[in-house]
Amino acid sequence: MSIAPINQTVLVVDGETDFLDWVRQQLKASGVRVITETNSANAFKIFCLEKPDLVIAEMHLRPSGGLDLLAKIRAESPNAMVIIMSAFGTTQAVIESMKLGAFDFLRKESLPFTMKVVVDSALKASAELRMASPAKPALTVEQYHDDIVGQSEAMQSVFKMVGRVAMSDAPVLVTGESGCGKELVACAIHNYSERNKKPLIAINCAAIPENLLESELFGHEKGSFTGAATQRIGRFEQGNGGTLFLDEIGEMPLAVQSKLLRVLQEGEFSRVGGNATLRSNVRIVAATNRNLEESIAKKEFREDLYYRLNVVGIHLPPLRARVEDIPLLAEYFLSRIAQKQHRPLLQLSGDAIKVMQAYPWPGNVRELQNTLQRACVLATSDVLLPKDLPLGQVTGASEHNDPSTGKEIQGIVPSALPALTDLTVDEAARLLFEALTNENGGRELLPWVEEDFTRRAMELSGNNQVKSSKLLGITRATLRKRLERIGIRGASSSGE
């Protein structure tokens, strides 16, 4: 939904009056009120008085430069939208501008091509920010003492299971998709058990080579194999009295599975290369994102070991199955990020929460955490809007085949159009002219088509230049020039 820039004000600051006149004429078509000023000190006074929706300031101003003006404006109004421009976009100038919270940095020579797009985007963000109301989760994060968070019925069932099994020594198998928080469940089981004074040791079975995993678990004697210069105490011995968490148990080699089964059955093991029989009082919690029953059918996992591990099973639902937990999880992660980075706590707007709840989260809670961390790093205001969330651009995304690789890629579903193979050139041209007349009145067709198709190609390819150039049927060099002209940044040039 686009927000029309009605009754919005733009303050433009530049030392050249001819340039200010040109900008005024360019922005006049957008229906905004334009205030111009040549002096940075006067510009700050105007900002404090007028509270404009957007400030566009030249780097080199008097009596102080554009970066000083940016810093003063952001100190006065932390959510202010400021665009810095300069004829010389040096690396240092660009970095310093973005570090101080600029919405964007534009080179003057590219303004005829980029200014309208960037200004429209800044005014839309300003309007959204003024209308945004921070979301209010039902519960506060202070009520949680563990990293595992959730108030949905599905998570309440998980918490109940954790409470029931915590006081026993029965092996537990935690299942669920990658990123759901299976290790957090293992930590909760340990922390609420009588073993919490002893260590919780975690091993990722998929990350350790087969020839080293046995030694990692059970230890080895000096000289038992090449490179064994000293005796090593294995994880079973180190975790005596505590809990051993075996993550990605489905990736454990069959040879090691047999030895693990013996430990679970007899409670005894030997170090690699050793003869002594050792015992360890350790509780096993295993986790996997694989369907172990299918692995058993394929002879990739021992059935007897599966039943030994799955004495108590706990299944973690994916995040898309408990969307009511997203506001609380988001507030929890934002609180942790603020504490860790020693920065003010950011809040999510109600619209941002809706976008997050509509997204399917293939990476589950881990993806949510990473998304919020990225948003906090790049945020220019104290309220996160949908535009601040990369997932806000792919809500309702579907998968498409990349014609250059045959692989599926994520992207925005284009506006509904008849199949191109069913269209004649005349019909396609008619549709384009109708779209231009109905939605983009006052614009020329060819520049509009070039810009719009380029943006859609970049969205469909995940901002990959190689894939986009193939979709558009142009060279990478041509695409790079076009991206620079229309102001699309941050695109990957990788062909992988």
Protein backbone atom coordinates (compact mmCIF):
# COMPACT_ATOMS: atom_id res chain seq x y z
CA MET A 1 0.00 0.00 0.00
CA SER A 2 1.60 3.26 -1.10
CA ILE A 3 1.23 6.38 0.98
CA ALA A 4 0.60 9.57 -1.00
CA PRO A 5 2.90 12.42 0.05
CA ILE A 6 -0.01 14.81 0.68
CA ASN A 7 0.78 17.68 3.08
CA GLN A 8 4.34 16.46 3.49
CA THR A 9 7.24 18.88 3.76
CA VAL A 10 10.77 18.54 2.41
CA LEU A 11 13.60 20.80 3.55
CA VAL A 12 16.40 21.10 0.97
CA VAL A 13 19.73 22.61 2.06
CA ASP A 14 22.38 23.56 -0.48
CA GLY A 15 24.73 26.49 -1.04
CA GLU A 16 23.72 26.96 -4.70
CA THR A 17 20.43 28.74 -5.31
CA ASP A 18 20.22 27.49 -8.90
CA PHE A 19 20.37 23.93 -7.66
CA LEU A 20 17.69 24.64 -5.05
CA ASP A 21 15.43 25.98 -7.80
CA TRP A 22 15.97 22.81 -9.83
CA VAL A 23 15.14 20.57 -6.87
CA ARG A 24 12.02 22.60 -6.11
CA GLN A 25 10.80 22.06 -9.66
CA GLN A 26 11.55 18.33 -9.50
CA LEU A 27 9.69 17.83 -6.22
CA LYS A 28 6.81 20.09 -7.18
CA ALA A 29 5.34 17.29 -9.32
CA SER A 30 5.20 15.04 -6.26
CA GLY A 31 2.80 17.40 -4.51
CA VAL A 32 5.04 18.12 -1.52
CA ARG A 33 5.78 21.41 0.13
CA VAL A 34 9.41 22.39 -0.41
CA ILE A 35 11.45 24.67 1.86
CA THR A 36 14.94 25.68 0.71
CA GLU A 37 17.88 27.08 2.67
CA THR A 38 21.55 27.79 1.92
CA ASN A 39 22.85 28.05 5.50
CA SER A 40 23.18 24.97 7.73
CA ALA A 41 22.61 26.90 10.98
CA ASN A 42 19.41 28.41 9.63
CA ALA A 43 18.40 25.01 8.29
CA PHE A 44 18.56 23.48 11.76
CA LYS A 45 16.36 26.27 13.13
CA ILE A 46 13.87 25.63 10.34
CA PHE A 47 13.91 21.92 11.11
CA CYS A 48 13.15 22.51 14.80
CA LEU A 49 10.31 24.87 13.87
CA GLU A 50 8.76 23.10 10.88
CA LYS A 51 9.51 19.45 11.69
CA PRO A 52 9.71 18.52 7.99
CA ASP A 53 9.06 14.96 6.85
CA LEU A 54 12.38 14.83 5.00
CA VAL A 55 15.63 16.79 4.90
CA ILE A 56 17.90 16.70 1.84
CA ALA A 57 21.27 18.27 2.65
CA GLU A 58 24.49 18.86 0.72
CA MET A 59 27.71 17.58 2.34
CA HIS A 60 29.55 20.90 1.98
CA LEU A 61 27.60 23.64 3.73
CA ARG A 62 28.37 26.75 5.75
CA PRO A 63 28.94 27.45 8.58
CA SER A 64 29.05 23.70 9.31
CA GLY A 65 28.90 20.73 6.94
CA GLY A 66 26.04 18.44 6.06
CA LEU A 67 27.23 15.68 8.38
CA ASP A 68 27.17 18.08 11.34
CA LEU A 69 23.65 19.10 10.38
CA LEU A 70 22.67 15.44 10.11
CA ALA A 71 24.07 14.72 13.58
CA LYS A 72 22.22 17.69 15.13
CA ILE A 73 18.95 16.77 13.43
CA ARG A 74 19.17 13.13 14.55
CA ALA A 75 20.01 14.23 18.10
CA GLU A 76 16.95 16.48 18.09
CA SER A 77 14.70 13.89 16.43
CA PRO A 78 16.09 10.32 16.36
CA ASN A 79 13.55 9.22 13.74
CA ALA A 80 14.18 12.09 11.31
CA MET A 81 14.57 11.18 7.63
CA VAL A 82 17.70 12.79 6.17
CA ILE A 83 19.25 12.29 2.75
CA ILE A 84 22.83 13.47 2.25
CA MET A 85 24.02 14.41 -1.23
CA SER A 86 27.36 15.38 -2.69
CA ALA A 87 29.09 15.78 -6.02
CA PHE A 88 31.87 13.60 -4.64
CA GLY A 89 30.60 10.44 -3.00
CA THR A 90 33.79 9.30 -1.30
CA THR A 91 33.87 6.05 0.65
CA GLN A 92 34.39 7.90 3.93
CA ALA A 93 31.52 10.31 3.27
CA VAL A 94 29.07 7.53 2.46
CA ILE A 95 30.06 5.44 5.49
CA GLU A 96 29.97 8.40 7.89
CA SER A 97 26.55 9.46 6.59
CA MET A 98 25.02 6.02 7.10
CA LYS A 99 26.75 5.68 10.47
CA LEU A 100 25.07 8.90 11.63
CA GLY A 101 21.66 7.57 10.55
CA ALA A 102 21.12 9.01 7.07
CA PHE A 103 18.28 7.45 5.11
CA ASP A 104 20.43 7.45 1.99
CA PHE A 105 23.43 9.06 0.30
CA LEU A 106 23.06 10.33 -3.27
CA ARG A 107 25.58 11.60 -5.77
CA LYS A 108 24.45 14.82 -7.43
CA GLU A 109 25.22 13.60 -10.91
CA SER A 110 22.70 10.76 -10.47
CA LEU A 111 19.92 12.89 -8.99
CA PRO A 112 17.95 13.18 -12.26
CA PHE A 113 17.62 9.38 -12.21
CA THR A 114 17.52 8.53 -8.50
CA MET A 115 16.09 11.47 -6.57
CA LYS A 116 12.39 10.83 -7.18
CA VAL A 117 12.62 7.12 -6.26
CA VAL A 118 14.61 7.76 -3.08
CA VAL A 119 12.54 10.76 -2.01
CA ASP A 120 9.28 8.85 -2.52
CA SER A 121 10.67 5.99 -0.45
CA ALA A 122 11.81 8.33 2.34
CA LEU A 123 8.48 10.17 2.45
CA LYS A 124 6.60 6.89 2.56
CA ALA A 125 8.80 5.68 5.43
CA SER A 126 8.28 8.98 7.24
CA ALA A 127 4.49 8.71 6.91
CA GLU A 128 4.52 5.09 8.05
CA LEU A 129 6.65 6.00 11.05
CA ARG A 130 4.34 8.80 12.11
CA MET A 131 1.32 6.52 11.90
CA ALA A 132 3.01 3.50 13.47
CA SER A 133 2.05 2.38 16.93
CA PRO A 134 4.40 0.02 18.79
CA ALA A 135 3.03 -3.48 19.26
CA LYS A 136 2.18 -4.58 22.78
CA PRO A 137 2.87 -8.26 23.55
CA ALA A 138 0.51 -9.95 25.98
CA LEU A 139 3.36 -10.87 28.32
CA THR A 140 6.67 -9.25 29.12
CA VAL A 141 10.06 -10.89 28.72
CA GLU A 142 10.83 -10.31 32.40
CA GLN A 143 8.49 -13.22 33.14
CA TYR A 144 10.91 -15.62 31.46
CA HIS A 145 14.10 -16.86 33.03
CA ASP A 146 15.05 -19.26 30.23
CA ASP A 147 15.87 -18.78 26.58
CA ILE A 148 12.92 -20.93 25.52
CA VAL A 149 9.96 -18.60 25.06
CA GLY A 150 6.36 -19.18 24.06
CA GLN A 151 2.78 -18.81 25.23
CA SER A 152 1.03 -20.79 22.50
CA GLU A 153 -0.81 -23.99 23.35
CA ALA A 154 1.78 -26.00 21.43
CA MET A 155 4.66 -24.57 23.47
CA GLN A 156 2.77 -24.94 26.72
CA SER A 157 2.55 -28.67 25.95
CA VAL A 158 6.33 -28.72 25.42
CA PHE A 159 6.90 -26.98 28.75
CA LYS A 160 4.69 -29.52 30.50
CA MET A 161 6.68 -32.39 29.00
CA VAL A 162 9.94 -30.76 30.09
CA GLY A 163 8.61 -30.48 33.62
CA ARG A 164 7.53 -34.13 33.70
CA VAL A 165 10.80 -35.58 32.39
CA ALA A 166 13.20 -33.22 34.18
CA MET A 167 13.23 -35.18 37.44
CA SER A 168 13.82 -38.56 35.79
CA ASP A 169 16.91 -40.02 34.14
CA ALA A 170 15.07 -41.40 31.11
CA PRO A 171 16.61 -40.67 27.71
CA VAL A 172 14.76 -38.00 25.75
CA LEU A 173 14.54 -37.57 21.97
CA VAL A 174 13.72 -34.02 20.85
CA THR A 175 12.47 -33.72 17.26
CA GLY A 176 11.64 -30.75 15.09
CA GLU A 177 12.76 -28.73 12.11
CA SER A 178 16.12 -27.01 12.04
CA GLY A 179 16.09 -23.75 13.97
CA CYS A 180 13.17 -24.59 16.26
CA GLY A 181 15.25 -24.51 19.46
CA LYS A 182 15.85 -28.18 20.22
CA GLU A 183 19.05 -27.41 22.15
CA LEU A 184 17.09 -24.96 24.31
CA VAL A 185 14.75 -27.79 25.28
CA ALA A 186 17.76 -29.92 26.25
CA CYS A 187 19.07 -27.03 28.36
CA ALA A 188 15.70 -26.64 30.08
CA ILE A 189 15.55 -30.37 30.88
CA HIS A 190 19.03 -30.17 32.41
CA ASN A 191 18.46 -26.90 34.29
CA TYR A 192 15.26 -28.14 35.94
CA SER A 193 16.73 -31.53 36.87
CA GLU A 194 18.72 -32.56 39.90
CA ARG A 195 21.75 -32.74 37.60
CA ASN A 196 21.89 -28.96 37.16
CA LYS A 197 24.97 -28.66 39.40
CA LYS A 198 26.88 -30.89 36.99
CA PRO A 199 27.84 -30.05 33.40
CA LEU A 200 25.62 -30.07 30.33
CA ILE A 201 27.81 -31.12 27.41
CA ALA A 202 26.59 -30.70 23.84
CA ILE A 203 27.96 -32.49 20.78
CA ASN A 204 26.91 -31.91 17.18
CA CYS A 205 27.20 -35.39 15.68
CA ALA A 206 27.07 -33.97 12.13
CA ALA A 207 30.04 -31.64 12.71
CA ILE A 208 32.61 -34.24 13.82
CA PRO A 209 34.22 -36.65 11.31
CA GLU A 210 33.39 -40.32 11.80
CA ASN A 211 36.97 -41.28 12.69
CA LEU A 212 37.01 -38.69 15.49
CA LEU A 213 33.47 -38.98 16.85
CA GLU A 214 34.15 -42.19 18.80
CA SER A 215 37.18 -40.58 20.45
CA GLU A 216 35.15 -37.46 21.17
CA LEU A 217 32.47 -39.47 22.95
CA PHE A 218 34.50 -42.13 24.74
CA GLY A 219 38.05 -40.76 24.82
CA HIS A 220 41.25 -42.52 23.76
CA GLU A 221 44.51 -43.82 25.21
CA LYS A 222 47.91 -42.46 24.33
CA GLY A 223 49.25 -44.06 21.17
CA SER A 224 45.93 -45.69 20.25
CA PHE A 225 46.12 -44.17 16.76
CA THR A 226 48.32 -41.83 14.77
CA GLY A 227 48.27 -38.42 16.40
CA ALA A 228 47.10 -39.67 19.81
CA ALA A 229 50.06 -38.15 21.65
CA THR A 230 48.26 -38.03 25.02
CA GLN A 231 45.37 -39.67 26.77
CA ARG A 232 42.01 -37.99 26.13
CA ILE A 233 39.02 -38.04 28.45
CA GLY A 234 35.82 -38.38 26.42
CA ARG A 235 32.53 -36.57 26.81
CA PHE A 236 30.90 -39.43 28.66
CA GLU A 237 33.52 -39.17 31.41
CA GLN A 238 33.51 -35.37 31.42
CA GLY A 239 29.72 -35.33 31.77
CA ASN A 240 29.57 -37.81 34.66
CA GLY A 241 26.62 -36.84 36.84
CA GLY A 242 25.34 -34.37 34.27
CA THR A 243 23.62 -34.40 30.88
CA LEU A 244 25.01 -35.25 27.44
CA PHE A 245 23.17 -33.60 24.56
CA LEU A 246 23.65 -35.39 21.23
CA ASP A 247 22.50 -32.99 18.54
CA GLU A 248 21.84 -34.21 14.99
CA ILE A 249 21.82 -37.81 16.24
CA GLY A 250 20.44 -38.90 12.87
CA GLU A 251 23.82 -38.09 11.30
CA MET A 252 25.76 -40.43 13.60
CA PRO A 253 27.62 -43.18 11.65
CA LEU A 254 26.32 -46.72 12.13
CA ALA A 255 29.61 -47.93 13.67
CA VAL A 256 29.38 -45.30 16.41
CA GLN A 257 25.67 -46.01 16.86
CA SER A 258 26.53 -49.59 17.86
CA LYS A 259 28.92 -48.41 20.56
CA LEU A 260 26.47 -45.82 21.83
CA LEU A 261 23.80 -48.53 22.07
CA ARG A 262 26.11 -50.62 24.26
CA VAL A 263 26.59 -47.70 26.64
CA LEU A 264 22.84 -47.18 26.90
CA GLN A 265 22.23 -50.89 27.49
CA GLU A 266 25.10 -51.75 29.82
CA GLY A 267 26.16 -48.37 31.16
CA GLU A 268 29.77 -49.29 30.30
CA PHE A 269 32.33 -48.22 27.69
CA SER A 270 36.06 -48.24 26.98
CA ARG A 271 38.33 -45.57 25.62
CA VAL A 272 39.63 -46.08 22.09
CA GLY A 273 42.72 -48.25 22.39
CA GLY A 274 42.03 -49.06 26.03
CA ASN A 275 41.10 -52.24 27.87
CA ALA A 276 39.65 -50.80 31.07
CA THR A 277 35.87 -50.85 31.42
CA LEU A 278 34.56 -47.47 32.52
CA ARG A 279 31.17 -46.36 33.81
CA SER A 280 29.54 -42.94 33.67
CA ASN A 281 26.31 -41.70 35.20
CA VAL A 282 25.18 -39.42 32.41
CA ARG A 283 21.71 -38.59 31.15
CA ILE A 284 21.23 -38.67 27.35
CA VAL A 285 19.14 -36.10 25.51
CA ALA A 286 19.27 -36.48 21.72
CA ALA A 287 17.84 -34.30 18.98
CA THR A 288 17.25 -34.57 15.25
CA ASN A 289 15.49 -32.81 12.41
CA ARG A 290 15.35 -36.04 10.40
CA ASN A 291 12.58 -38.62 10.34
CA LEU A 292 14.40 -41.45 12.10
CA GLU A 293 11.74 -43.97 11.20
CA GLU A 294 12.48 -43.33 7.52
CA SER A 295 16.19 -43.61 8.28
CA ILE A 296 15.55 -46.97 9.93
CA ALA A 297 13.71 -48.18 6.84
CA LYS A 298 16.71 -47.14 4.73
CA LYS A 299 19.11 -48.97 7.11
CA GLU A 300 20.74 -45.64 7.99
CA PHE A 301 19.79 -45.73 11.67
CA ARG A 302 19.60 -48.62 14.12
CA GLU A 303 16.09 -49.46 15.20
CA ASP A 304 17.19 -50.73 18.61
CA LEU A 305 19.09 -47.48 19.28
CA TYR A 306 16.04 -45.45 18.23
CA TYR A 307 13.88 -47.13 20.86
CA ARG A 308 16.60 -46.69 23.48
CA LEU A 309 16.79 -42.96 22.77
CA ASN A 310 13.08 -42.36 22.28
CA VAL A 311 11.96 -43.41 25.76
CA VAL A 312 10.37 -39.96 26.02
CA GLY A 313 9.76 -37.99 22.83
CA ILE A 314 9.28 -34.23 22.68
CA HIS A 315 8.33 -32.63 19.37
CA LEU A 316 8.94 -28.93 18.82
CA PRO A 317 6.44 -27.29 16.43
CA PRO A 318 7.75 -25.04 13.66
CA LEU A 319 7.34 -21.31 14.14
CA ARG A 320 4.69 -21.09 11.42
CA ALA A 321 2.51 -23.38 13.58
CA ARG A 322 2.65 -21.02 16.55
CA VAL A 323 2.46 -17.53 15.07
CA GLU A 324 0.93 -16.20 18.30
CA ASP A 325 4.40 -16.58 19.86
CA ILE A 326 6.06 -14.26 17.32
CA PRO A 327 5.35 -10.93 19.15
CA LEU A 328 6.74 -12.26 22.42
CA LEU A 329 9.73 -13.90 20.76
CA ALA A 330 10.44 -10.68 18.87
CA GLU A 331 10.35 -8.57 22.02
CA TYR A 332 12.57 -11.11 23.78
CA PHE A 333 15.19 -11.03 21.01
CA LEU A 334 15.09 -7.24 20.72
CA SER A 335 15.66 -6.99 24.48
CA ARG A 336 18.65 -9.34 24.29
CA ILE A 337 20.10 -7.49 21.30
CA ALA A 338 19.75 -4.14 23.07
CA GLN A 339 21.51 -5.46 26.18
CA LYS A 340 24.30 -7.12 24.23
CA GLN A 341 24.97 -4.15 21.96
CA HIS A 342 24.44 -1.52 24.70
CA ARG A 343 21.90 0.38 22.62
CA PRO A 344 18.32 1.61 23.19
CA LEU A 345 15.57 -0.98 22.96
CA LEU A 346 13.83 -0.91 19.59
CA GLN A 347 10.15 -1.66 19.22
CA LEU A 348 8.12 -3.24 16.43
CA SER A 349 5.19 -1.49 14.83
CA GLY A 350 1.86 -3.27 14.64
CA ASP A 351 2.24 -3.55 10.86
CA ALA A 352 5.68 -5.13 11.27
CA ILE A 353 4.19 -7.75 13.58
CA LYS A 354 1.51 -8.53 10.97
CA VAL A 355 4.17 -8.96 8.29
CA MET A 356 6.15 -11.29 10.54
CA GLN A 357 3.11 -13.36 11.40
CA ALA A 358 2.23 -13.74 7.71
CA TYR A 359 5.68 -15.03 6.77
CA PRO A 360 6.21 -18.84 6.81
CA TRP A 361 9.65 -18.72 8.54
CA PRO A 362 11.40 -21.67 6.86
CA GLY A 363 14.37 -21.09 9.18
CA ASN A 364 12.08 -21.00 12.24
CA VAL A 365 13.13 -19.22 15.45
CA ARG A 366 16.76 -18.99 14.35
CA GLU A 367 15.71 -17.08 11.23
CA LEU A 368 13.51 -14.78 13.32
CA GLN A 369 16.44 -13.97 15.61
CA ASN A 370 18.79 -13.29 12.70
CA THR A 371 16.18 -11.14 10.96
CA LEU A 372 15.71 -8.95 14.03
CA GLN A 373 19.44 -8.67 14.58
CA ARG A 374 19.89 -7.46 11.01
CA ALA A 375 17.00 -5.03 11.41
CA CYS A 376 18.54 -3.58 14.58
CA VAL A 377 21.88 -3.09 12.86
CA LEU A 378 20.36 -1.25 9.88
CA ALA A 379 17.51 0.58 11.64
CA THR A 380 17.33 4.37 11.32
CA SER A 381 14.47 4.84 13.81
CA ASP A 382 13.46 3.50 17.21
CA VAL A 383 10.37 1.75 15.79
CA LEU A 384 10.90 -1.05 13.28
CA LEU A 385 8.57 -0.86 10.28
CA PRO A 386 7.83 -3.52 7.66
CA LYS A 387 10.44 -1.88 5.41
CA ASP A 388 13.11 -2.59 8.03
CA LEU A 389 12.46 -6.33 7.87
CA PRO A 390 13.86 -8.09 4.79
CA LEU A 391 11.02 -10.58 5.09
CA GLY A 392 8.55 -7.75 4.67
CA GLN A 393 9.51 -7.75 0.99
CA VAL A 394 8.68 -11.42 0.44
CA THR A 395 5.44 -11.89 2.34
CA GLY A 396 3.33 -14.29 0.35
CA ALA A 397 6.39 -15.22 -1.69
CA SER A 398 6.25 -18.23 -3.90
CA GLU A 399 8.96 -20.26 -5.52
CA HIS A 400 9.93 -19.79 -9.13
CA ASN A 401 12.35 -21.62 -11.33
CA ASP A 402 15.48 -19.68 -12.21
CA PRO A 403 15.84 -20.15 -15.99
CA SER A 404 19.60 -19.71 -15.79
CA THR A 405 20.21 -22.54 -13.32
CA GLY A 406 17.01 -24.56 -13.11
CA LYS A 407 17.03 -24.03 -9.34
CA GLU A 408 14.11 -22.66 -7.37
CA ILE A 409 14.43 -19.11 -6.12
CA GLN A 410 12.39 -17.01 -3.72
CA GLY A 411 10.80 -13.79 -4.91
CA ILE A 412 7.77 -11.60 -5.04
CA VAL A 413 4.87 -12.91 -7.06
CA PRO A 414 4.40 -10.46 -9.97
CA SER A 415 1.02 -8.85 -10.58
CA ALA A 416 -1.42 -11.27 -12.14
CA LEU A 417 -1.00 -11.21 -15.91
CA PRO A 418 -2.03 -13.66 -18.62
CA ALA A 419 0.58 -16.21 -19.54
CA LEU A 420 3.14 -14.51 -21.76
CA THR A 421 3.01 -17.40 -24.20
CA ASP A 422 -0.68 -16.63 -24.81
CA LEU A 423 -0.11 -12.94 -25.57
CA THR A 424 0.58 -11.27 -28.86
CA VAL A 425 2.88 -8.26 -28.99
CA ASP A 426 -0.13 -6.00 -29.57
CA GLU A 427 -1.95 -7.40 -26.53
CA ALA A 428 1.14 -7.09 -24.34
CA ALA A 429 1.65 -3.48 -25.44
CA ARG A 430 -2.01 -2.71 -24.74
CA LEU A 431 -1.73 -4.14 -21.21
CA LEU A 432 1.39 -2.12 -20.51
CA PHE A 433 -0.17 1.14 -21.73
CA GLU A 434 -3.30 0.44 -19.66
CA ALA A 435 -1.16 -0.20 -16.57
CA LEU A 436 0.73 3.03 -17.22
CA THR A 437 -2.49 5.00 -17.62
CA ASN A 438 -4.23 3.49 -14.58
CA GLU A 439 -1.38 3.27 -12.10
CA ASN A 440 1.44 5.50 -13.24
CA GLY A 441 -0.14 8.47 -14.97
CA GLY A 442 2.29 11.13 -16.15
CA ARG A 443 5.20 8.73 -16.66
CA GLU A 444 6.83 7.74 -19.91
CA LEU A 445 6.38 4.10 -20.88
CA LEU A 446 9.89 2.92 -21.77
CA PRO A 447 11.74 4.31 -18.70
CA TRP A 448 8.96 2.99 -16.49
CA VAL A 449 9.06 -0.49 -18.06
CA GLU A 450 12.86 -0.61 -17.85
CA GLU A 451 12.91 0.38 -14.17
CA ASP A 452 9.96 -1.79 -13.12
CA PHE A 453 11.15 -4.89 -14.95
CA THR A 454 14.66 -4.45 -13.57
CA ARG A 455 13.34 -4.21 -10.01
CA ARG A 456 11.15 -7.30 -10.50
CA ALA A 457 14.07 -9.26 -11.97
CA MET A 458 16.23 -8.35 -8.97
CA GLU A 459 13.46 -9.36 -6.56
CA LEU A 460 12.86 -12.69 -8.30
CA SER A 461 16.57 -13.52 -8.33
CA GLY A 462 17.21 -12.57 -4.72
CA ASN A 463 19.26 -9.50 -5.79
CA ASN A 464 21.66 -11.64 -7.81
CA GLN A 465 23.08 -9.73 -10.78
CA VAL A 466 24.01 -12.81 -12.83
CA LYS A 467 20.52 -14.30 -12.59
CA SER A 468 18.83 -10.93 -13.14
CA SER A 469 20.83 -10.16 -16.29
CA LYS A 470 19.81 -13.54 -17.73
CA LEU A 471 16.16 -12.93 -16.87
CA LEU A 472 16.30 -9.54 -18.62
CA GLY A 473 18.40 -10.74 -21.55
CA ILE A 474 21.14 -8.15 -21.05
CA THR A 475 24.79 -8.27 -20.03
CA ARG A 476 25.95 -7.85 -16.44
CA ALA A 477 27.76 -4.63 -17.39
CA THR A 478 24.52 -3.17 -18.78
CA LEU A 479 22.62 -4.30 -15.70
CA ARG A 480 25.17 -2.72 -13.34
CA LYS A 481 24.85 0.64 -15.10
CA ARG A 482 21.07 0.41 -14.99
CA LEU A 483 21.05 -0.48 -11.27
CA GLU A 484 23.27 2.49 -10.53
CA ARG A 485 21.02 4.77 -12.57
CA ILE A 486 17.77 3.77 -10.89
CA GLY A 487 19.32 3.61 -7.42
CA ILE A 488 19.24 -0.10 -6.52
CA ARG A 489 22.06 -0.97 -4.16
CA GLY A 490 23.31 -4.01 -2.25
CA ALA A 491 22.94 -6.45 -5.16
CA SER A 492 25.15 -9.52 -5.25
CA SER A 493 27.29 -10.08 -8.31
CA SER A 494 27.86 -13.77 -7.48
CA GLY A 495 26.90 -16.32 -10.02
CA GLU A 496 26.51 -19.06 -7.47
